[in-house]
Amino acid sequence: MNKDISILVVDDSAFMRQYIIGFLHELGYEKISEAGNGPAALNAVNESMPDVVLLDMIMPIMDGMEALEKLVELNARVIVVTAMGQRITIVKAIEKGARGYFVKPFFTAHELGRKIEEVINED
């Protein structure tokens, strides 16, 4: 696992950001940044393009789908992290360029690490 990968965690819930960041630290990732909404995520990507963006779909200000479209335009590799019961959202996100998805909070650190490495190794 490449620990030099930079990861941006985008979620309006500070608790969920810390939950995911905890998994990332457990996996040994150190280059982690966070954003609480879509505009903040776009600013972060414009400032220093992370290798992977983990993006929540339900957020205020700019919803995840709009943020996803703008992030993909910037060539960001995005993995969607969404709540259960939003299968249609997942399908739309994949169609719009998401590289994968997780249903929160039902995933493990190992699954997250495996998906991040898979997305990095696609290119």
PDB file of N, CA and C in Angstrom:
ATOM      1  N   MET A   1       0.838  -1.186   0.000  1.00  0.00           N
ATOM      2  CA  MET A   1       0.000   0.000   0.000  1.00  0.00           C
ATOM      3  C   MET A   1       0.882   1.248   0.000  1.00  0.00           C
ATOM      4  N   ASN A   2       0.593   2.162  -0.900  1.00  0.00           N
ATOM      5  CA  ASN A   2       1.390   3.381  -1.042  1.00  0.00           C
ATOM      6  C   ASN A   2       0.931   4.424  -0.020  1.00  0.00           C
ATOM      7  N   LYS A   3       1.726   4.644   0.996  1.00  0.00           N
ATOM      8  CA  LYS A   3       1.366   5.577   2.077  1.00  0.00           C
ATOM      9  C   LYS A   3       1.583   7.031   1.688  1.00  0.00           C
ATOM     10  N   ASP A   4       2.182   7.296   0.522  1.00  0.00           N
ATOM     11  CA  ASP A   4       2.403   8.670   0.067  1.00  0.00           C
ATOM     12  C   ASP A   4       1.197   9.246  -0.666  1.00  0.00           C
ATOM     13  N   ILE A   5       0.151   8.469  -0.788  1.00  0.00           N
ATOM     14  CA  ILE A   5      -1.058   8.929  -1.466  1.00  0.00           C
ATOM     15  C   ILE A   5      -1.707  10.033  -0.631  1.00  0.00           C
ATOM     16  N   SER A   6      -2.108  11.116  -1.306  1.00  0.00           N
ATOM     17  CA  SER A   6      -2.815  12.191  -0.602  1.00  0.00           C
ATOM     18  C   SER A   6      -4.319  12.005  -0.805  1.00  0.00           C
ATOM     19  N   ILE A   7      -5.055  12.212   0.283  1.00  0.00           N
ATOM     20  CA  ILE A   7      -6.494  11.942   0.281  1.00  0.00           C
ATOM     21  C   ILE A   7      -7.237  13.129   0.879  1.00  0.00           C
ATOM     22  N   LEU A   8      -8.304  13.545   0.184  1.00  0.00           N
ATOM     23  CA  LEU A   8      -9.190  14.594   0.673  1.00  0.00           C
ATOM     24  C   LEU A   8     -10.501  13.940   1.078  1.00  0.00           C
ATOM     25  N   VAL A   9     -10.912  14.146   2.329  1.00  0.00           N
ATOM     26  CA  VAL A   9     -12.169  13.609   2.845  1.00  0.00           C
ATOM     27  C   VAL A   9     -13.177  14.752   2.891  1.00  0.00           C
ATOM     28  N   VAL A  10     -14.291  14.608   2.148  1.00  0.00           N
ATOM     29  CA  VAL A  10     -15.302  15.659   2.052  1.00  0.00           C
ATOM     30  C   VAL A  10     -16.624  15.142   2.612  1.00  0.00           C
ATOM     31  N   ASP A  11     -17.056  15.737   3.717  1.00  0.00           N
ATOM     32  CA  ASP A  11     -18.330  15.366   4.348  1.00  0.00           C
ATOM     33  C   ASP A  11     -18.748  16.524   5.234  1.00  0.00           C
ATOM     34  N   ASP A  12     -20.039  16.838   5.240  1.00  0.00           N
ATOM     35  CA  ASP A  12     -20.505  17.942   6.090  1.00  0.00           C
ATOM     36  C   ASP A  12     -20.539  17.555   7.557  1.00  0.00           C
ATOM     37  N   SER A  13     -20.470  16.271   7.862  1.00  0.00           N
ATOM     38  CA  SER A  13     -20.459  15.797   9.249  1.00  0.00           C
ATOM     39  C   SER A  13     -19.015  15.661   9.744  1.00  0.00           C
ATOM     40  N   ALA A  14     -18.660  16.478  10.719  1.00  0.00           N
ATOM     41  CA  ALA A  14     -17.307  16.393  11.293  1.00  0.00           C
ATOM     42  C   ALA A  14     -17.070  15.003  11.880  1.00  0.00           C
ATOM     43  N   PHE A  15     -18.104  14.409  12.474  1.00  0.00           N
ATOM     44  CA  PHE A  15     -17.978  13.061  13.040  1.00  0.00           C
ATOM     45  C   PHE A  15     -17.605  12.063  11.943  1.00  0.00           C
ATOM     46  N   MET A  16     -18.314  12.119  10.816  1.00  0.00           N
ATOM     47  CA  MET A  16     -18.044  11.167   9.735  1.00  0.00           C
ATOM     48  C   MET A  16     -16.665  11.400   9.138  1.00  0.00           C
ATOM     49  N   ARG A  17     -16.250  12.664   8.999  1.00  0.00           N
ATOM     50  CA  ARG A  17     -14.887  12.929   8.509  1.00  0.00           C
ATOM     51  C   ARG A  17     -13.867  12.271   9.435  1.00  0.00           C
ATOM     52  N   GLN A  18     -14.042  12.437  10.748  1.00  0.00           N
ATOM     53  CA  GLN A  18     -13.094  11.851  11.699  1.00  0.00           C
ATOM     54  C   GLN A  18     -13.140  10.322  11.681  1.00  0.00           C
ATOM     55  N   TYR A  19     -14.319   9.754  11.474  1.00  0.00           N
ATOM     56  CA  TYR A  19     -14.495   8.305  11.366  1.00  0.00           C
ATOM     57  C   TYR A  19     -13.659   7.775  10.191  1.00  0.00           C
ATOM     58  N   ILE A  20     -13.798   8.412   9.042  1.00  0.00           N
ATOM     59  CA  ILE A  20     -13.065   7.986   7.845  1.00  0.00           C
ATOM     60  C   ILE A  20     -11.570   8.264   8.000  1.00  0.00           C
ATOM     61  N   ILE A  21     -11.224   9.411   8.539  1.00  0.00           N
ATOM     62  CA  ILE A  21      -9.809   9.747   8.760  1.00  0.00           C
ATOM     63  C   ILE A  21      -9.168   8.745   9.723  1.00  0.00           C
ATOM     64  N   GLY A  22      -9.922   8.301  10.716  1.00  0.00           N
ATOM     65  CA  GLY A  22      -9.430   7.265  11.632  1.00  0.00           C
ATOM     66  C   GLY A  22      -9.054   5.996  10.879  1.00  0.00           C
ATOM     67  N   PHE A  23      -9.902   5.572   9.944  1.00  0.00           N
ATOM     68  CA  PHE A  23      -9.592   4.410   9.104  1.00  0.00           C
ATOM     69  C   PHE A  23      -8.320   4.654   8.303  1.00  0.00           C
ATOM     70  N   LEU A  24      -8.211   5.849   7.726  1.00  0.00           N
ATOM     71  CA  LEU A  24      -7.047   6.160   6.897  1.00  0.00           C
ATOM     72  C   LEU A  24      -5.757   6.132   7.715  1.00  0.00           C
ATOM     73  N   HIS A  25      -5.803   6.667   8.927  1.00  0.00           N
ATOM     74  CA  HIS A  25      -4.632   6.610   9.813  1.00  0.00           C
ATOM     75  C   HIS A  25      -4.316   5.163  10.175  1.00  0.00           C
ATOM     76  N   GLU A  26      -5.349   4.380  10.441  1.00  0.00           N
ATOM     77  CA  GLU A  26      -5.173   2.959  10.762  1.00  0.00           C
ATOM     78  C   GLU A  26      -4.453   2.240   9.617  1.00  0.00           C
ATOM     79  N   LEU A  27      -4.735   2.653   8.394  1.00  0.00           N
ATOM     80  CA  LEU A  27      -4.110   2.055   7.212  1.00  0.00           C
ATOM     81  C   LEU A  27      -2.712   2.603   6.939  1.00  0.00           C
ATOM     82  N   GLY A  28      -2.327   3.667   7.657  1.00  0.00           N
ATOM     83  CA  GLY A  28      -0.994   4.232   7.501  1.00  0.00           C
ATOM     84  C   GLY A  28      -0.904   5.446   6.603  1.00  0.00           C
ATOM     85  N   TYR A  29      -2.030   5.912   6.094  1.00  0.00           N
ATOM     86  CA  TYR A  29      -2.004   7.127   5.272  1.00  0.00           C
ATOM     87  C   TYR A  29      -1.758   8.336   6.168  1.00  0.00           C
ATOM     88  N   GLU A  30      -0.938   9.256   5.688  1.00  0.00           N
ATOM     89  CA  GLU A  30      -0.599  10.439   6.484  1.00  0.00           C
ATOM     90  C   GLU A  30      -0.974  11.743   5.800  1.00  0.00           C
ATOM     91  N   LYS A  31      -1.031  11.744   4.483  1.00  0.00           N
ATOM     92  CA  LYS A  31      -1.346  12.965   3.732  1.00  0.00           C
ATOM     93  C   LYS A  31      -2.864  13.069   3.555  1.00  0.00           C
ATOM     94  N   ILE A  32      -3.516  13.535   4.612  1.00  0.00           N
ATOM     95  CA  ILE A  32      -4.976  13.586   4.630  1.00  0.00           C
ATOM     96  C   ILE A  32      -5.420  15.022   4.891  1.00  0.00           C
ATOM     97  N   SER A  33      -6.353  15.490   4.069  1.00  0.00           N
ATOM     98  CA  SER A  33      -6.966  16.791   4.312  1.00  0.00           C
ATOM     99  C   SER A  33      -8.474  16.582   4.340  1.00  0.00           C
ATOM    100  N   GLU A  34      -9.191  17.623   4.761  1.00  0.00           N
ATOM    101  CA  GLU A  34     -10.641  17.468   4.862  1.00  0.00           C
ATOM    102  C   GLU A  34     -11.342  18.757   4.470  1.00  0.00           C
ATOM    103  N   ALA A  35     -12.600  18.582   4.045  1.00  0.00           N
ATOM    104  CA  ALA A  35     -13.445  19.710   3.684  1.00  0.00           C
ATOM    105  C   ALA A  35     -14.867  19.380   4.124  1.00  0.00           C
ATOM    106  N   GLY A  36     -15.603  20.410   4.519  1.00  0.00           N
ATOM    107  CA  GLY A  36     -16.951  20.212   5.035  1.00  0.00           C
ATOM    108  C   GLY A  36     -18.055  20.454   4.037  1.00  0.00           C
ATOM    109  N   ASN A  37     -17.696  20.863   2.808  1.00  0.00           N
ATOM    110  CA  ASN A  37     -18.724  21.082   1.791  1.00  0.00           C
ATOM    111  C   ASN A  37     -18.087  21.096   0.402  1.00  0.00           C
ATOM    112  N   GLY A  38     -18.936  21.159  -0.626  1.00  0.00           N
ATOM    113  CA  GLY A  38     -18.456  21.125  -2.006  1.00  0.00           C
ATOM    114  C   GLY A  38     -17.519  22.258  -2.373  1.00  0.00           C
ATOM    115  N   PRO A  39     -17.890  23.529  -2.088  1.00  0.00           N
ATOM    116  CA  PRO A  39     -16.978  24.625  -2.431  1.00  0.00           C
ATOM    117  C   PRO A  39     -15.606  24.491  -1.757  1.00  0.00           C
ATOM    118  N   ALA A  40     -15.582  24.062  -0.504  1.00  0.00           N
ATOM    119  CA  ALA A  40     -14.306  23.869   0.192  1.00  0.00           C
ATOM    120  C   ALA A  40     -13.498  22.747  -0.471  1.00  0.00           C
ATOM    121  N   ALA A  41     -14.195  21.715  -0.943  1.00  0.00           N
ATOM    122  CA  ALA A  41     -13.517  20.617  -1.634  1.00  0.00           C
ATOM    123  C   ALA A  41     -12.895  21.112  -2.938  1.00  0.00           C
ATOM    124  N   LEU A  42     -13.640  21.913  -3.687  1.00  0.00           N
ATOM    125  CA  LEU A  42     -13.114  22.456  -4.940  1.00  0.00           C
ATOM    126  C   LEU A  42     -11.897  23.337  -4.688  1.00  0.00           C
ATOM    127  N   ASN A  43     -11.953  24.148  -3.647  1.00  0.00           N
ATOM    128  CA  ASN A  43     -10.797  24.976  -3.291  1.00  0.00           C
ATOM    129  C   ASN A  43      -9.592  24.106  -2.958  1.00  0.00           C
ATOM    130  N   ALA A  44      -9.810  23.055  -2.176  1.00  0.00           N
ATOM    131  CA  ALA A  44      -8.718  22.164  -1.780  1.00  0.00           C
ATOM    132  C   ALA A  44      -8.098  21.482  -2.998  1.00  0.00           C
ATOM    133  N   VAL A  45      -8.940  21.046  -3.924  1.00  0.00           N
ATOM    134  CA  VAL A  45      -8.437  20.380  -5.133  1.00  0.00           C
ATOM    135  C   VAL A  45      -7.686  21.368  -6.009  1.00  0.00           C
ATOM    136  N   ASN A  46      -8.185  22.585  -6.120  1.00  0.00           N
ATOM    137  CA  ASN A  46      -7.491  23.600  -6.913  1.00  0.00           C
ATOM    138  C   ASN A  46      -6.147  23.980  -6.313  1.00  0.00           C
ATOM    139  N   GLU A  47      -6.050  23.982  -4.979  1.00  0.00           N
ATOM    140  CA  GLU A  47      -4.801  24.352  -4.306  1.00  0.00           C
ATOM    141  C   GLU A  47      -3.752  23.261  -4.402  1.00  0.00           C
ATOM    142  N   SER A  48      -4.149  22.046  -4.123  1.00  0.00           N
ATOM    143  CA  SER A  48      -3.199  20.931  -4.172  1.00  0.00           C
ATOM    144  C   SER A  48      -3.961  19.651  -4.487  1.00  0.00           C
ATOM    145  N   MET A  49      -3.927  19.274  -5.736  1.00  0.00           N
ATOM    146  CA  MET A  49      -4.686  18.120  -6.214  1.00  0.00           C
ATOM    147  C   MET A  49      -4.353  16.861  -5.424  1.00  0.00           C
ATOM    148  N   PRO A  50      -5.327  16.367  -4.628  1.00  0.00           N
ATOM    149  CA  PRO A  50      -5.074  15.115  -3.912  1.00  0.00           C
ATOM    150  C   PRO A  50      -5.135  13.940  -4.892  1.00  0.00           C
ATOM    151  N   ASP A  51      -4.556  12.830  -4.507  1.00  0.00           N
ATOM    152  CA  ASP A  51      -4.592  11.641  -5.355  1.00  0.00           C
ATOM    153  C   ASP A  51      -5.999  11.050  -5.418  1.00  0.00           C
ATOM    154  N   VAL A  52      -6.725  11.152  -4.298  1.00  0.00           N
ATOM    155  CA  VAL A  52      -8.081  10.600  -4.213  1.00  0.00           C
ATOM    156  C   VAL A  52      -8.944  11.538  -3.378  1.00  0.00           C
ATOM    157  N   VAL A  53     -10.218  11.690  -3.797  1.00  0.00           N
ATOM    158  CA  VAL A  53     -11.201  12.444  -3.030  1.00  0.00           C
ATOM    159  C   VAL A  53     -12.292  11.474  -2.593  1.00  0.00           C
ATOM    160  N   LEU A  54     -12.562  11.432  -1.285  1.00  0.00           N
ATOM    161  CA  LEU A  54     -13.670  10.647  -0.745  1.00  0.00           C
ATOM    162  C   LEU A  54     -14.806  11.636  -0.504  1.00  0.00           C
ATOM    163  N   LEU A  55     -15.899  11.517  -1.263  1.00  0.00           N
ATOM    164  CA  LEU A  55     -16.921  12.550  -1.333  1.00  0.00           C
ATOM    165  C   LEU A  55     -18.287  12.072  -0.850  1.00  0.00           C
ATOM    166  N   ASP A  56     -18.824  12.780   0.149  1.00  0.00           N
ATOM    167  CA  ASP A  56     -20.195  12.558   0.609  1.00  0.00           C
ATOM    168  C   ASP A  56     -21.143  13.094  -0.453  1.00  0.00           C
ATOM    169  N   MET A  57     -22.333  12.526  -0.542  1.00  0.00           N
ATOM    170  CA  MET A  57     -23.301  12.961  -1.547  1.00  0.00           C
ATOM    171  C   MET A  57     -24.328  13.952  -1.006  1.00  0.00           C
ATOM    172  N   ILE A  58     -24.651  13.867   0.266  1.00  0.00           N
ATOM    173  CA  ILE A  58     -25.674  14.753   0.822  1.00  0.00           C
ATOM    174  C   ILE A  58     -24.998  15.797   1.695  1.00  0.00           C
ATOM    175  N   MET A  59     -24.910  17.032   1.136  1.00  0.00           N
ATOM    176  CA  MET A  59     -24.261  18.129   1.837  1.00  0.00           C
ATOM    177  C   MET A  59     -25.019  19.418   1.537  1.00  0.00           C
ATOM    178  N   PRO A  60     -24.947  20.377   2.451  1.00  0.00           N
ATOM    179  CA  PRO A  60     -25.541  21.687   2.163  1.00  0.00           C
ATOM    180  C   PRO A  60     -24.623  22.497   1.237  1.00  0.00           C
ATOM    181  N   ILE A  61     -25.090  23.624   0.800  1.00  0.00           N
ATOM    182  CA  ILE A  61     -24.377  24.582  -0.053  1.00  0.00           C
ATOM    183  C   ILE A  61     -24.260  24.049  -1.493  1.00  0.00           C
ATOM    184  N   MET A  62     -23.578  22.936  -1.661  1.00  0.00           N
ATOM    185  CA  MET A  62     -23.440  22.295  -2.968  1.00  0.00           C
ATOM    186  C   MET A  62     -23.545  20.794  -2.727  1.00  0.00           C
ATOM    187  N   ASP A  63     -24.545  20.152  -3.319  1.00  0.00           N
ATOM    188  CA  ASP A  63     -24.695  18.722  -3.056  1.00  0.00           C
ATOM    189  C   ASP A  63     -23.555  17.933  -3.694  1.00  0.00           C
ATOM    190  N   GLY A  64     -23.449  16.696  -3.288  1.00  0.00           N
ATOM    191  CA  GLY A  64     -22.344  15.858  -3.736  1.00  0.00           C
ATOM    192  C   GLY A  64     -22.309  15.634  -5.234  1.00  0.00           C
ATOM    193  N   MET A  65     -23.487  15.540  -5.865  1.00  0.00           N
ATOM    194  CA  MET A  65     -23.516  15.288  -7.309  1.00  0.00           C
ATOM    195  C   MET A  65     -22.931  16.479  -8.074  1.00  0.00           C
ATOM    196  N   GLU A  66     -23.302  17.690  -7.672  1.00  0.00           N
ATOM    197  CA  GLU A  66     -22.750  18.883  -8.320  1.00  0.00           C
ATOM    198  C   GLU A  66     -21.245  18.979  -8.060  1.00  0.00           C
ATOM    199  N   ALA A  67     -20.846  18.709  -6.822  1.00  0.00           N
ATOM    200  CA  ALA A  67     -19.419  18.727  -6.486  1.00  0.00           C
ATOM    201  C   ALA A  67     -18.668  17.668  -7.297  1.00  0.00           C
ATOM    202  N   LEU A  68     -19.262  16.479  -7.430  1.00  0.00           N
ATOM    203  CA  LEU A  68     -18.647  15.397  -8.201  1.00  0.00           C
ATOM    204  C   LEU A  68     -18.381  15.848  -9.636  1.00  0.00           C
ATOM    205  N   GLU A  69     -19.383  16.440 -10.273  1.00  0.00           N
ATOM    206  CA  GLU A  69     -19.221  16.885 -11.657  1.00  0.00           C
ATOM    207  C   GLU A  69     -18.062  17.871 -11.785  1.00  0.00           C
ATOM    208  N   LYS A  70     -17.979  18.813 -10.856  1.00  0.00           N
ATOM    209  CA  LYS A  70     -16.916  19.823 -10.908  1.00  0.00           C
ATOM    210  C   LYS A  70     -15.550  19.206 -10.594  1.00  0.00           C
ATOM    211  N   LEU A  71     -15.520  18.258  -9.659  1.00  0.00           N
ATOM    212  CA  LEU A  71     -14.255  17.600  -9.322  1.00  0.00           C
ATOM    213  C   LEU A  71     -13.747  16.759 -10.490  1.00  0.00           C
ATOM    214  N   VAL A  72     -14.651  16.062 -11.162  1.00  0.00           N
ATOM    215  CA  VAL A  72     -14.262  15.249 -12.323  1.00  0.00           C
ATOM    216  C   VAL A  72     -13.733  16.148 -13.437  1.00  0.00           C
ATOM    217  N   GLU A  73     -14.348  17.319 -13.613  1.00  0.00           N
ATOM    218  CA  GLU A  73     -13.841  18.285 -14.607  1.00  0.00           C
ATOM    219  C   GLU A  73     -12.401  18.688 -14.293  1.00  0.00           C
ATOM    220  N   LEU A  74     -12.047  18.693 -13.006  1.00  0.00           N
ATOM    221  CA  LEU A  74     -10.685  19.032 -12.583  1.00  0.00           C
ATOM    222  C   LEU A  74      -9.756  17.816 -12.603  1.00  0.00           C
ATOM    223  N   ASN A  75     -10.267  16.694 -13.108  1.00  0.00           N
ATOM    224  CA  ASN A  75      -9.522  15.425 -13.197  1.00  0.00           C
ATOM    225  C   ASN A  75      -9.236  14.777 -11.851  1.00  0.00           C
ATOM    226  N   ALA A  76     -10.067  15.069 -10.857  1.00  0.00           N
ATOM    227  CA  ALA A  76      -9.906  14.412  -9.555  1.00  0.00           C
ATOM    228  C   ALA A  76     -10.443  12.988  -9.635  1.00  0.00           C
ATOM    229  N   ARG A  77      -9.782  12.100  -8.912  1.00  0.00           N
ATOM    230  CA  ARG A  77     -10.262  10.717  -8.772  1.00  0.00           C
ATOM    231  C   ARG A  77     -11.185  10.705  -7.559  1.00  0.00           C
ATOM    232  N   VAL A  78     -12.454  10.461  -7.775  1.00  0.00           N
ATOM    233  CA  VAL A  78     -13.444  10.566  -6.707  1.00  0.00           C
ATOM    234  C   VAL A  78     -14.045   9.209  -6.383  1.00  0.00           C
ATOM    235  N   ILE A  79     -14.087   8.910  -5.090  1.00  0.00           N
ATOM    236  CA  ILE A  79     -14.817   7.752  -4.569  1.00  0.00           C
ATOM    237  C   ILE A  79     -15.963   8.321  -3.748  1.00  0.00           C
ATOM    238  N   VAL A  80     -17.182   7.933  -4.090  1.00  0.00           N
ATOM    239  CA  VAL A  80     -18.374   8.426  -3.416  1.00  0.00           C
ATOM    240  C   VAL A  80     -18.601   7.638  -2.131  1.00  0.00           C
ATOM    241  N   VAL A  81     -18.944   8.382  -1.077  1.00  0.00           N
ATOM    242  CA  VAL A  81     -19.297   7.766   0.206  1.00  0.00           C
ATOM    243  C   VAL A  81     -20.702   8.272   0.523  1.00  0.00           C
ATOM    244  N   THR A  82     -21.674   7.358   0.513  1.00  0.00           N
ATOM    245  CA  THR A  82     -23.061   7.796   0.659  1.00  0.00           C
ATOM    246  C   THR A  82     -23.823   6.928   1.655  1.00  0.00           C
ATOM    247  N   ALA A  83     -24.955   7.437   2.099  1.00  0.00           N
ATOM    248  CA  ALA A  83     -25.779   6.709   3.060  1.00  0.00           C
ATOM    249  C   ALA A  83     -26.510   5.554   2.376  1.00  0.00           C
ATOM    250  N   MET A  84     -26.915   4.581   3.185  1.00  0.00           N
ATOM    251  CA  MET A  84     -27.646   3.440   2.658  1.00  0.00           C
ATOM    252  C   MET A  84     -28.938   3.867   1.992  1.00  0.00           C
ATOM    253  N   GLY A  85     -29.405   3.088   1.045  1.00  0.00           N
ATOM    254  CA  GLY A  85     -30.686   3.335   0.428  1.00  0.00           C
ATOM    255  C   GLY A  85     -30.647   4.349  -0.695  1.00  0.00           C
ATOM    256  N   GLN A  86     -29.477   4.686  -1.169  1.00  0.00           N
ATOM    257  CA  GLN A  86     -29.358   5.665  -2.243  1.00  0.00           C
ATOM    258  C   GLN A  86     -28.750   5.037  -3.499  1.00  0.00           C
ATOM    259  N   ARG A  87     -29.243   3.868  -3.857  1.00  0.00           N
ATOM    260  CA  ARG A  87     -28.693   3.129  -4.996  1.00  0.00           C
ATOM    261  C   ARG A  87     -28.718   3.956  -6.287  1.00  0.00           C
ATOM    262  N   ILE A  88     -29.806   4.689  -6.508  1.00  0.00           N
ATOM    263  CA  ILE A  88     -29.913   5.507  -7.719  1.00  0.00           C
ATOM    264  C   ILE A  88     -28.830   6.590  -7.735  1.00  0.00           C
ATOM    265  N   THR A  89     -28.517   7.121  -6.565  1.00  0.00           N
ATOM    266  CA  THR A  89     -27.448   8.124  -6.448  1.00  0.00           C
ATOM    267  C   THR A  89     -26.110   7.520  -6.838  1.00  0.00           C
ATOM    268  N   ILE A  90     -25.872   6.304  -6.388  1.00  0.00           N
ATOM    269  CA  ILE A  90     -24.608   5.619  -6.704  1.00  0.00           C
ATOM    270  C   ILE A  90     -24.485   5.408  -8.207  1.00  0.00           C
ATOM    271  N   VAL A  91     -25.554   4.944  -8.837  1.00  0.00           N
ATOM    272  CA  VAL A  91     -25.531   4.714 -10.286  1.00  0.00           C
ATOM    273  C   VAL A  91     -25.252   6.017 -11.028  1.00  0.00           C
ATOM    274  N   LYS A  92     -25.935   7.096 -10.647  1.00  0.00           N
ATOM    275  CA  LYS A  92     -25.709   8.396 -11.284  1.00  0.00           C
ATOM    276  C   LYS A  92     -24.272   8.869 -11.071  1.00  0.00           C
ATOM    277  N   ALA A  93     -23.753   8.663  -9.861  1.00  0.00           N
ATOM    278  CA  ALA A  93     -22.389   9.097  -9.560  1.00  0.00           C
ATOM    279  C   ALA A  93     -21.368   8.357 -10.423  1.00  0.00           C
ATOM    280  N   ILE A  94     -21.554   7.069 -10.596  1.00  0.00           N
ATOM    281  CA  ILE A  94     -20.640   6.287 -11.436  1.00  0.00           C
ATOM    282  C   ILE A  94     -20.734   6.781 -12.883  1.00  0.00           C
ATOM    283  N   GLU A  95     -21.961   7.042 -13.348  1.00  0.00           N
ATOM    284  CA  GLU A  95     -22.151   7.553 -14.704  1.00  0.00           C
ATOM    285  C   GLU A  95     -21.458   8.908 -14.892  1.00  0.00           C
ATOM    286  N   LYS A  96     -21.395   9.708 -13.825  1.00  0.00           N
ATOM    287  CA  LYS A  96     -20.796  11.046 -13.907  1.00  0.00           C
ATOM    288  C   LYS A  96     -19.292  11.041 -13.646  1.00  0.00           C
ATOM    289  N   GLY A  97     -18.705   9.862 -13.409  1.00  0.00           N
ATOM    290  CA  GLY A  97     -17.259   9.791 -13.310  1.00  0.00           C
ATOM    291  C   GLY A  97     -16.670   9.342 -11.989  1.00  0.00           C
ATOM    292  N   ALA A  98     -17.510   9.029 -11.000  1.00  0.00           N
ATOM    293  CA  ALA A  98     -16.967   8.493  -9.746  1.00  0.00           C
ATOM    294  C   ALA A  98     -16.253   7.180 -10.045  1.00  0.00           C
ATOM    295  N   ARG A  99     -15.161   6.939  -9.347  1.00  0.00           N
ATOM    296  CA  ARG A  99     -14.358   5.731  -9.584  1.00  0.00           C
ATOM    297  C   ARG A  99     -14.810   4.548  -8.742  1.00  0.00           C
ATOM    298  N   GLY A 100     -15.700   4.804  -7.786  1.00  0.00           N
ATOM    299  CA  GLY A 100     -16.197   3.747  -6.913  1.00  0.00           C
ATOM    300  C   GLY A 100     -17.050   4.370  -5.836  1.00  0.00           C
ATOM    301  N   TYR A 101     -17.529   3.529  -4.923  1.00  0.00           N
ATOM    302  CA  TYR A 101     -18.394   4.038  -3.864  1.00  0.00           C
ATOM    303  C   TYR A 101     -18.326   3.157  -2.625  1.00  0.00           C
ATOM    304  N   PHE A 102     -18.742   3.748  -1.510  1.00  0.00           N
ATOM    305  CA  PHE A 102     -18.931   3.045  -0.252  1.00  0.00           C
ATOM    306  C   PHE A 102     -20.250   3.491   0.336  1.00  0.00           C
ATOM    307  N   VAL A 103     -20.917   2.561   0.997  1.00  0.00           N
ATOM    308  CA  VAL A 103     -22.132   2.906   1.731  1.00  0.00           C
ATOM    309  C   VAL A 103     -21.727   3.087   3.182  1.00  0.00           C
ATOM    310  N   LYS A 104     -21.960   4.306   3.717  1.00  0.00           N
ATOM    311  CA  LYS A 104     -21.552   4.577   5.095  1.00  0.00           C
ATOM    312  C   LYS A 104     -22.683   4.262   6.051  1.00  0.00           C
ATOM    313  N   PRO A 105     -22.352   3.883   7.247  1.00  0.00           N
ATOM    314  CA  PRO A 105     -21.000   3.649   7.771  1.00  0.00           C
ATOM    315  C   PRO A 105     -20.585   2.186   7.671  1.00  0.00           C
ATOM    316  N   PHE A 106     -21.135   1.471   6.708  1.00  0.00           N
ATOM    317  CA  PHE A 106     -20.954   0.025   6.633  1.00  0.00           C
ATOM    318  C   PHE A 106     -19.808  -0.418   5.736  1.00  0.00           C
ATOM    319  N   PHE A 107     -18.606  -0.002   6.085  1.00  0.00           N
ATOM    320  CA  PHE A 107     -17.425  -0.485   5.377  1.00  0.00           C
ATOM    321  C   PHE A 107     -16.279  -0.549   6.379  1.00  0.00           C
ATOM    322  N   THR A 108     -15.255  -1.291   6.017  1.00  0.00           N
ATOM    323  CA  THR A 108     -14.117  -1.459   6.918  1.00  0.00           C
ATOM    324  C   THR A 108     -12.908  -0.685   6.397  1.00  0.00           C
ATOM    325  N   ALA A 109     -11.944  -0.495   7.271  1.00  0.00           N
ATOM    326  CA  ALA A 109     -10.699   0.172   6.876  1.00  0.00           C
ATOM    327  C   ALA A 109     -10.035  -0.600   5.739  1.00  0.00           C
ATOM    328  N   HIS A 110     -10.044  -1.915   5.830  1.00  0.00           N
ATOM    329  CA  HIS A 110      -9.413  -2.747   4.803  1.00  0.00           C
ATOM    330  C   HIS A 110     -10.082  -2.529   3.445  1.00  0.00           C
ATOM    331  N   GLU A 111     -11.412  -2.506   3.417  1.00  0.00           N
ATOM    332  CA  GLU A 111     -12.135  -2.278   2.154  1.00  0.00           C
ATOM    333  C   GLU A 111     -11.803  -0.905   1.576  1.00  0.00           C
ATOM    334  N   LEU A 112     -11.741   0.090   2.445  1.00  0.00           N
ATOM    335  CA  LEU A 112     -11.418   1.452   2.019  1.00  0.00           C
ATOM    336  C   LEU A 112     -10.015   1.499   1.411  1.00  0.00           C
ATOM    337  N   GLY A 113      -9.060   0.915   2.087  1.00  0.00           N
ATOM    338  CA  GLY A 113      -7.685   0.886   1.584  1.00  0.00           C
ATOM    339  C   GLY A 113      -7.573   0.177   0.252  1.00  0.00           C
ATOM    340  N   ARG A 114      -8.275  -0.931   0.123  1.00  0.00           N
ATOM    341  CA  ARG A 114      -8.239  -1.698  -1.130  1.00  0.00           C
ATOM    342  C   ARG A 114      -8.814  -0.867  -2.286  1.00  0.00           C
ATOM    343  N   LYS A 115      -9.927  -0.155  -2.041  1.00  0.00           N
ATOM    344  CA  LYS A 115     -10.549   0.651  -3.099  1.00  0.00           C
ATOM    345  C   LYS A 115      -9.644   1.829  -3.478  1.00  0.00           C
ATOM    346  N   ILE A 116      -9.026   2.475  -2.501  1.00  0.00           N
ATOM    347  CA  ILE A 116      -8.119   3.590  -2.785  1.00  0.00           C
ATOM    348  C   ILE A 116      -6.974   3.111  -3.679  1.00  0.00           C
ATOM    349  N   GLU A 117      -6.378   1.991  -3.329  1.00  0.00           N
ATOM    350  CA  GLU A 117      -5.264   1.466  -4.126  1.00  0.00           C
ATOM    351  C   GLU A 117      -5.734   1.081  -5.533  1.00  0.00           C
ATOM    352  N   GLU A 118      -6.922   0.514  -5.627  1.00  0.00           N
ATOM    353  CA  GLU A 118      -7.481   0.144  -6.923  1.00  0.00           C
ATOM    354  C   GLU A 118      -7.635   1.379  -7.811  1.00  0.00           C
ATOM    355  N   VAL A 119      -8.177   2.448  -7.255  1.00  0.00           N
ATOM    356  CA  VAL A 119      -8.389   3.684  -8.014  1.00  0.00           C
ATOM    357  C   VAL A 119      -7.052   4.299  -8.435  1.00  0.00           C
ATOM    358  N   ILE A 120      -6.082   4.298  -7.548  1.00  0.00           N
ATOM    359  CA  ILE A 120      -4.755   4.840  -7.872  1.00  0.00           C
ATOM    360  C   ILE A 120      -4.106   4.040  -8.984  1.00  0.00           C
ATOM    361  N   ASN A 121      -4.268   2.732  -8.951  1.00  0.00           N
ATOM    362  CA  ASN A 121      -3.611   1.864  -9.923  1.00  0.00           C
ATOM    363  C   ASN A 121      -4.331   1.771 -11.255  1.00  0.00           C
ATOM    364  N   GLU A 122      -5.534   2.370 -11.381  1.00  0.00           N
ATOM    365  CA  GLU A 122      -6.270   2.362 -12.648  1.00  0.00           C
ATOM    366  C   GLU A 122      -5.559   3.170 -13.720  1.00  0.00           C
ATOM    367  N   ASP A 123      -4.916   4.243 -13.299  1.00  0.00           N
ATOM    368  CA  ASP A 123      -4.312   5.172 -14.284  1.00  0.00           C
ATOM    369  C   ASP A 123      -2.924   4.766 -14.715  1.00  0.00           C
TER     370      ASP A 123
END
